Amino acid sequence: MESEKKLGTLQNIYAASIAETVNTYQALGQLSSIVARKEARQEQTAPFMLQQLGIETEEEVFSRLSEVFGCANWHVDKHETGFVATATACKLCALSKKMGGASPCHGWCIDPMTAMIKEIARRKGTVAQVRLEGTLMEQDRCTLAITV
């Protein structure tokens, strides 16, 4: 099997595994508490994730995660005070909807990305604000507005 095909297969299996896990947590009534627990740890794991993924800028969080995980089709539009990141398709959301409808957005996507963005800004001596405007679980796009 060619490397690109192997990578695509692994990305699909990974997304399906997370979607199944999220829906299992929901069925067991534990999704909210697990997401809260994961959120509390994101600040600690962000530096490691940035290092492992070789991410150096806030914008790279979106491009590198798209490249590595092949999940959401993030597009970044820069403006004077930051940028807006938008995705119109997400493999994880689509699979999660098919498997029961539990949202993987915060615990497995938005919160980790937010923590990485804030860590990059902290390293620069600035503060980043991340505002979630909507996700693909509820709307036709996932949109985050980042001010740095």
C-alpha atoms as a PDB file:
ATOM      1  CA  MET A   1       0.000   0.000   0.000  1.00  0.00           C
ATOM      2  CA  GLU A   2       1.308   3.453  -0.890  1.00  0.00           C
ATOM      3  CA  SER A   3       2.217   5.848   1.918  1.00  0.00           C
ATOM      4  CA  GLU A   4      -0.575   8.334   1.112  1.00  0.00           C
ATOM      5  CA  LYS A   5      -3.165   5.565   1.064  1.00  0.00           C
ATOM      6  CA  LYS A   6      -1.840   4.209   4.372  1.00  0.00           C
ATOM      7  CA  LEU A   7      -2.005   7.672   5.912  1.00  0.00           C
ATOM      8  CA  GLY A   8      -5.576   8.176   4.681  1.00  0.00           C
ATOM      9  CA  THR A   9      -6.594   4.803   6.076  1.00  0.00           C
ATOM     10  CA  LEU A  10      -5.023   5.574   9.464  1.00  0.00           C
ATOM     11  CA  GLN A  11      -6.715   9.001   9.529  1.00  0.00           C
ATOM     12  CA  ASN A  12     -10.104   7.395   8.852  1.00  0.00           C
ATOM     13  CA  ILE A  13      -9.600   4.726  11.516  1.00  0.00           C
ATOM     14  CA  TYR A  14      -8.493   7.364  14.031  1.00  0.00           C
ATOM     15  CA  ALA A  15     -11.523   9.590  13.354  1.00  0.00           C
ATOM     16  CA  ALA A  16     -13.882   6.601  13.581  1.00  0.00           C
ATOM     17  CA  SER A  17     -12.302   5.546  16.872  1.00  0.00           C
ATOM     18  CA  ILE A  18     -12.784   9.001  18.387  1.00  0.00           C
ATOM     19  CA  ALA A  19     -16.370   9.212  17.091  1.00  0.00           C
ATOM     20  CA  GLU A  20     -17.167   5.833  18.611  1.00  0.00           C
ATOM     21  CA  THR A  21     -15.570   6.835  21.916  1.00  0.00           C
ATOM     22  CA  VAL A  22     -17.471  10.138  22.081  1.00  0.00           C
ATOM     23  CA  ASN A  23     -20.770   8.408  21.392  1.00  0.00           C
ATOM     24  CA  THR A  24     -19.997   5.747  23.999  1.00  0.00           C
ATOM     25  CA  TYR A  25     -19.244   8.437  26.596  1.00  0.00           C
ATOM     26  CA  GLN A  26     -22.543  10.117  25.681  1.00  0.00           C
ATOM     27  CA  ALA A  27     -24.468   6.844  25.993  1.00  0.00           C
ATOM     28  CA  LEU A  28     -22.926   6.273  29.433  1.00  0.00           C
ATOM     29  CA  GLY A  29     -23.839   9.819  30.530  1.00  0.00           C
ATOM     30  CA  GLN A  30     -20.195  10.778  31.003  1.00  0.00           C
ATOM     31  CA  LEU A  31     -19.398  12.948  27.973  1.00  0.00           C
ATOM     32  CA  SER A  32     -19.717  16.319  29.767  1.00  0.00           C
ATOM     33  CA  SER A  33     -17.499  15.301  32.669  1.00  0.00           C
ATOM     34  CA  ILE A  34     -14.854  13.806  30.383  1.00  0.00           C
ATOM     35  CA  VAL A  35     -14.790  16.924  28.184  1.00  0.00           C
ATOM     36  CA  ALA A  36     -14.398  19.088  31.310  1.00  0.00           C
ATOM     37  CA  ARG A  37     -11.592  16.858  32.566  1.00  0.00           C
ATOM     38  CA  LYS A  38      -9.822  16.993  29.205  1.00  0.00           C
ATOM     39  CA  GLU A  39     -10.222  20.781  29.052  1.00  0.00           C
ATOM     40  CA  ALA A  40      -8.539  21.138  32.441  1.00  0.00           C
ATOM     41  CA  ARG A  41      -5.490  19.255  31.105  1.00  0.00           C
ATOM     42  CA  GLN A  42      -5.176  21.020  27.743  1.00  0.00           C
ATOM     43  CA  GLU A  43      -2.913  23.763  29.083  1.00  0.00           C
ATOM     44  CA  GLN A  44      -0.478  21.079  30.241  1.00  0.00           C
ATOM     45  CA  THR A  45      -0.523  19.072  27.024  1.00  0.00           C
ATOM     46  CA  ALA A  46      -0.391  22.006  24.564  1.00  0.00           C
ATOM     47  CA  PRO A  47       3.417  22.494  24.743  1.00  0.00           C
ATOM     48  CA  PHE A  48       3.998  18.798  24.038  1.00  0.00           C
ATOM     49  CA  MET A  49       1.543  18.790  21.132  1.00  0.00           C
ATOM     50  CA  LEU A  50       3.151  21.893  19.610  1.00  0.00           C
ATOM     51  CA  GLN A  51       6.573  20.283  19.851  1.00  0.00           C
ATOM     52  CA  GLN A  52       5.441  16.945  18.425  1.00  0.00           C
ATOM     53  CA  LEU A  53       3.637  18.588  15.512  1.00  0.00           C
ATOM     54  CA  GLY A  54       6.301  21.236  14.848  1.00  0.00           C
ATOM     55  CA  ILE A  55       3.801  24.084  15.129  1.00  0.00           C
ATOM     56  CA  GLU A  56       5.217  27.575  15.638  1.00  0.00           C
ATOM     57  CA  THR A  57       2.411  29.999  14.707  1.00  0.00           C
ATOM     58  CA  GLU A  58      -1.245  30.264  15.620  1.00  0.00           C
ATOM     59  CA  GLU A  59      -2.279  29.796  11.990  1.00  0.00           C
ATOM     60  CA  GLU A  60      -0.204  26.613  11.707  1.00  0.00           C
ATOM     61  CA  VAL A  61      -2.399  24.975  14.332  1.00  0.00           C
ATOM     62  CA  PHE A  62      -5.091  24.680  11.673  1.00  0.00           C
ATOM     63  CA  SER A  63      -2.953  23.788   8.678  1.00  0.00           C
ATOM     64  CA  ARG A  64      -0.814  21.217  10.506  1.00  0.00           C
ATOM     65  CA  LEU A  65      -3.743  19.490  12.200  1.00  0.00           C
ATOM     66  CA  SER A  66      -5.511  19.266   8.831  1.00  0.00           C
ATOM     67  CA  GLU A  67      -2.360  17.827   7.284  1.00  0.00           C
ATOM     68  CA  VAL A  68      -1.673  15.268  10.012  1.00  0.00           C
ATOM     69  CA  PHE A  69      -5.190  14.161  10.959  1.00  0.00           C
ATOM     70  CA  GLY A  70      -6.963  14.799   7.637  1.00  0.00           C
ATOM     71  CA  CYS A  71     -10.143  15.625   9.471  1.00  0.00           C
ATOM     72  CA  ALA A  72     -11.382  19.188   8.928  1.00  0.00           C
ATOM     73  CA  ASN A  73     -10.715  21.314   5.852  1.00  0.00           C
ATOM     74  CA  TRP A  74      -9.585  24.426   7.750  1.00  0.00           C
ATOM     75  CA  HIS A  75      -9.176  27.693   5.846  1.00  0.00           C
ATOM     76  CA  VAL A  76      -7.582  30.717   7.527  1.00  0.00           C
ATOM     77  CA  ASP A  77      -8.431  34.328   6.626  1.00  0.00           C
ATOM     78  CA  LYS A  78      -6.075  36.867   8.199  1.00  0.00           C
ATOM     79  CA  HIS A  79      -7.170  40.331   9.266  1.00  0.00           C
ATOM     80  CA  GLU A  80      -5.627  43.234  11.195  1.00  0.00           C
ATOM     81  CA  THR A  81      -6.087  41.848  14.700  1.00  0.00           C
ATOM     82  CA  GLY A  82      -5.841  38.125  14.016  1.00  0.00           C
ATOM     83  CA  PHE A  83      -7.651  35.678  11.800  1.00  0.00           C
ATOM     84  CA  VAL A  84     -10.768  33.609  11.296  1.00  0.00           C
ATOM     85  CA  ALA A  85     -10.470  29.852  10.777  1.00  0.00           C
ATOM     86  CA  THR A  86     -13.337  28.101   9.019  1.00  0.00           C
ATOM     87  CA  ALA A  87     -14.027  24.488   8.147  1.00  0.00           C
ATOM     88  CA  THR A  88     -16.918  23.406   5.942  1.00  0.00           C
ATOM     89  CA  ALA A  89     -16.264  19.676   6.270  1.00  0.00           C
ATOM     90  CA  CYS A  90     -15.081  17.513   9.145  1.00  0.00           C
ATOM     91  CA  LYS A  91     -14.686  13.757   9.023  1.00  0.00           C
ATOM     92  CA  LEU A  92     -14.953  13.476  12.817  1.00  0.00           C
ATOM     93  CA  CYS A  93     -18.251  15.394  12.978  1.00  0.00           C
ATOM     94  CA  ALA A  94     -19.719  13.406  10.091  1.00  0.00           C
ATOM     95  CA  LEU A  95     -18.766  10.068  11.653  1.00  0.00           C
ATOM     96  CA  SER A  96     -19.954  11.124  15.094  1.00  0.00           C
ATOM     97  CA  LYS A  97     -23.347  12.123  13.672  1.00  0.00           C
ATOM     98  CA  LYS A  98     -23.656   8.733  11.947  1.00  0.00           C
ATOM     99  CA  MET A  99     -22.718   6.890  15.146  1.00  0.00           C
ATOM    100  CA  GLY A 100     -25.222   8.616  17.423  1.00  0.00           C
ATOM    101  CA  GLY A 101     -24.824  12.374  17.282  1.00  0.00           C
ATOM    102  CA  ALA A 102     -22.580  13.133  20.259  1.00  0.00           C
ATOM    103  CA  SER A 103     -20.356  16.170  19.708  1.00  0.00           C
ATOM    104  CA  PRO A 104     -16.585  15.585  19.625  1.00  0.00           C
ATOM    105  CA  CYS A 105     -15.932  19.261  18.971  1.00  0.00           C
ATOM    106  CA  HIS A 106     -14.790  20.541  22.335  1.00  0.00           C
ATOM    107  CA  GLY A 107     -12.917  17.651  23.910  1.00  0.00           C
ATOM    108  CA  TRP A 108     -11.104  16.471  20.798  1.00  0.00           C
ATOM    109  CA  CYS A 109     -10.787  19.533  18.558  1.00  0.00           C
ATOM    110  CA  ILE A 110     -11.706  23.048  19.727  1.00  0.00           C
ATOM    111  CA  ASP A 111     -10.262  22.836  23.256  1.00  0.00           C
ATOM    112  CA  PRO A 112      -6.897  21.330  22.188  1.00  0.00           C
ATOM    113  CA  MET A 113      -6.550  23.876  19.374  1.00  0.00           C
ATOM    114  CA  THR A 114      -7.449  26.742  21.705  1.00  0.00           C
ATOM    115  CA  ALA A 115      -4.850  25.593  24.230  1.00  0.00           C
ATOM    116  CA  MET A 116      -2.173  25.408  21.527  1.00  0.00           C
ATOM    117  CA  ILE A 117      -3.056  28.862  20.183  1.00  0.00           C
ATOM    118  CA  LYS A 118      -2.923  30.361  23.678  1.00  0.00           C
ATOM    119  CA  GLU A 119       0.410  28.653  24.377  1.00  0.00           C
ATOM    120  CA  ILE A 120       1.946  30.077  21.185  1.00  0.00           C
ATOM    121  CA  ALA A 121       0.734  33.555  22.126  1.00  0.00           C
ATOM    122  CA  ARG A 122       2.057  33.128  25.680  1.00  0.00           C
ATOM    123  CA  ARG A 123       5.490  32.241  24.292  1.00  0.00           C
ATOM    124  CA  LYS A 124       5.409  35.467  22.264  1.00  0.00           C
ATOM    125  CA  GLY A 125       4.461  37.480  25.342  1.00  0.00           C
ATOM    126  CA  THR A 126       0.957  38.189  24.049  1.00  0.00           C
ATOM    127  CA  VAL A 127      -2.532  36.950  24.777  1.00  0.00           C
ATOM    128  CA  ALA A 128      -4.779  35.193  22.272  1.00  0.00           C
ATOM    129  CA  GLN A 129      -8.551  35.281  22.442  1.00  0.00           C
ATOM    130  CA  VAL A 130     -10.404  32.446  20.738  1.00  0.00           C
ATOM    131  CA  ARG A 131     -14.126  32.828  20.083  1.00  0.00           C
ATOM    132  CA  LEU A 132     -16.088  29.862  18.808  1.00  0.00           C
ATOM    133  CA  GLU A 133     -18.809  31.088  16.464  1.00  0.00           C
ATOM    134  CA  GLY A 134     -20.239  27.686  15.578  1.00  0.00           C
ATOM    135  CA  THR A 135     -19.443  24.060  14.846  1.00  0.00           C
ATOM    136  CA  LEU A 136     -20.352  21.627  12.115  1.00  0.00           C
ATOM    137  CA  MET A 137     -22.379  19.650  14.622  1.00  0.00           C
ATOM    138  CA  GLU A 138     -24.943  22.494  14.665  1.00  0.00           C
ATOM    139  CA  GLN A 139     -24.252  24.590  11.573  1.00  0.00           C
ATOM    140  CA  ASP A 140     -22.929  24.349   8.026  1.00  0.00           C
ATOM    141  CA  ARG A 141     -19.434  25.376   9.131  1.00  0.00           C
ATOM    142  CA  CYS A 142     -17.097  25.467  12.087  1.00  0.00           C
ATOM    143  CA  THR A 143     -15.784  28.961  12.727  1.00  0.00           C
ATOM    144  CA  LEU A 144     -13.265  30.266  15.235  1.00  0.00           C
ATOM    145  CA  ALA A 145     -12.277  33.926  15.461  1.00  0.00           C
ATOM    146  CA  ILE A 146      -8.799  34.419  16.891  1.00  0.00           C
ATOM    147  CA  THR A 147      -7.478  37.756  18.118  1.00  0.00           C
ATOM    148  CA  VAL A 148      -3.753  37.954  18.838  1.00  0.00           C
END
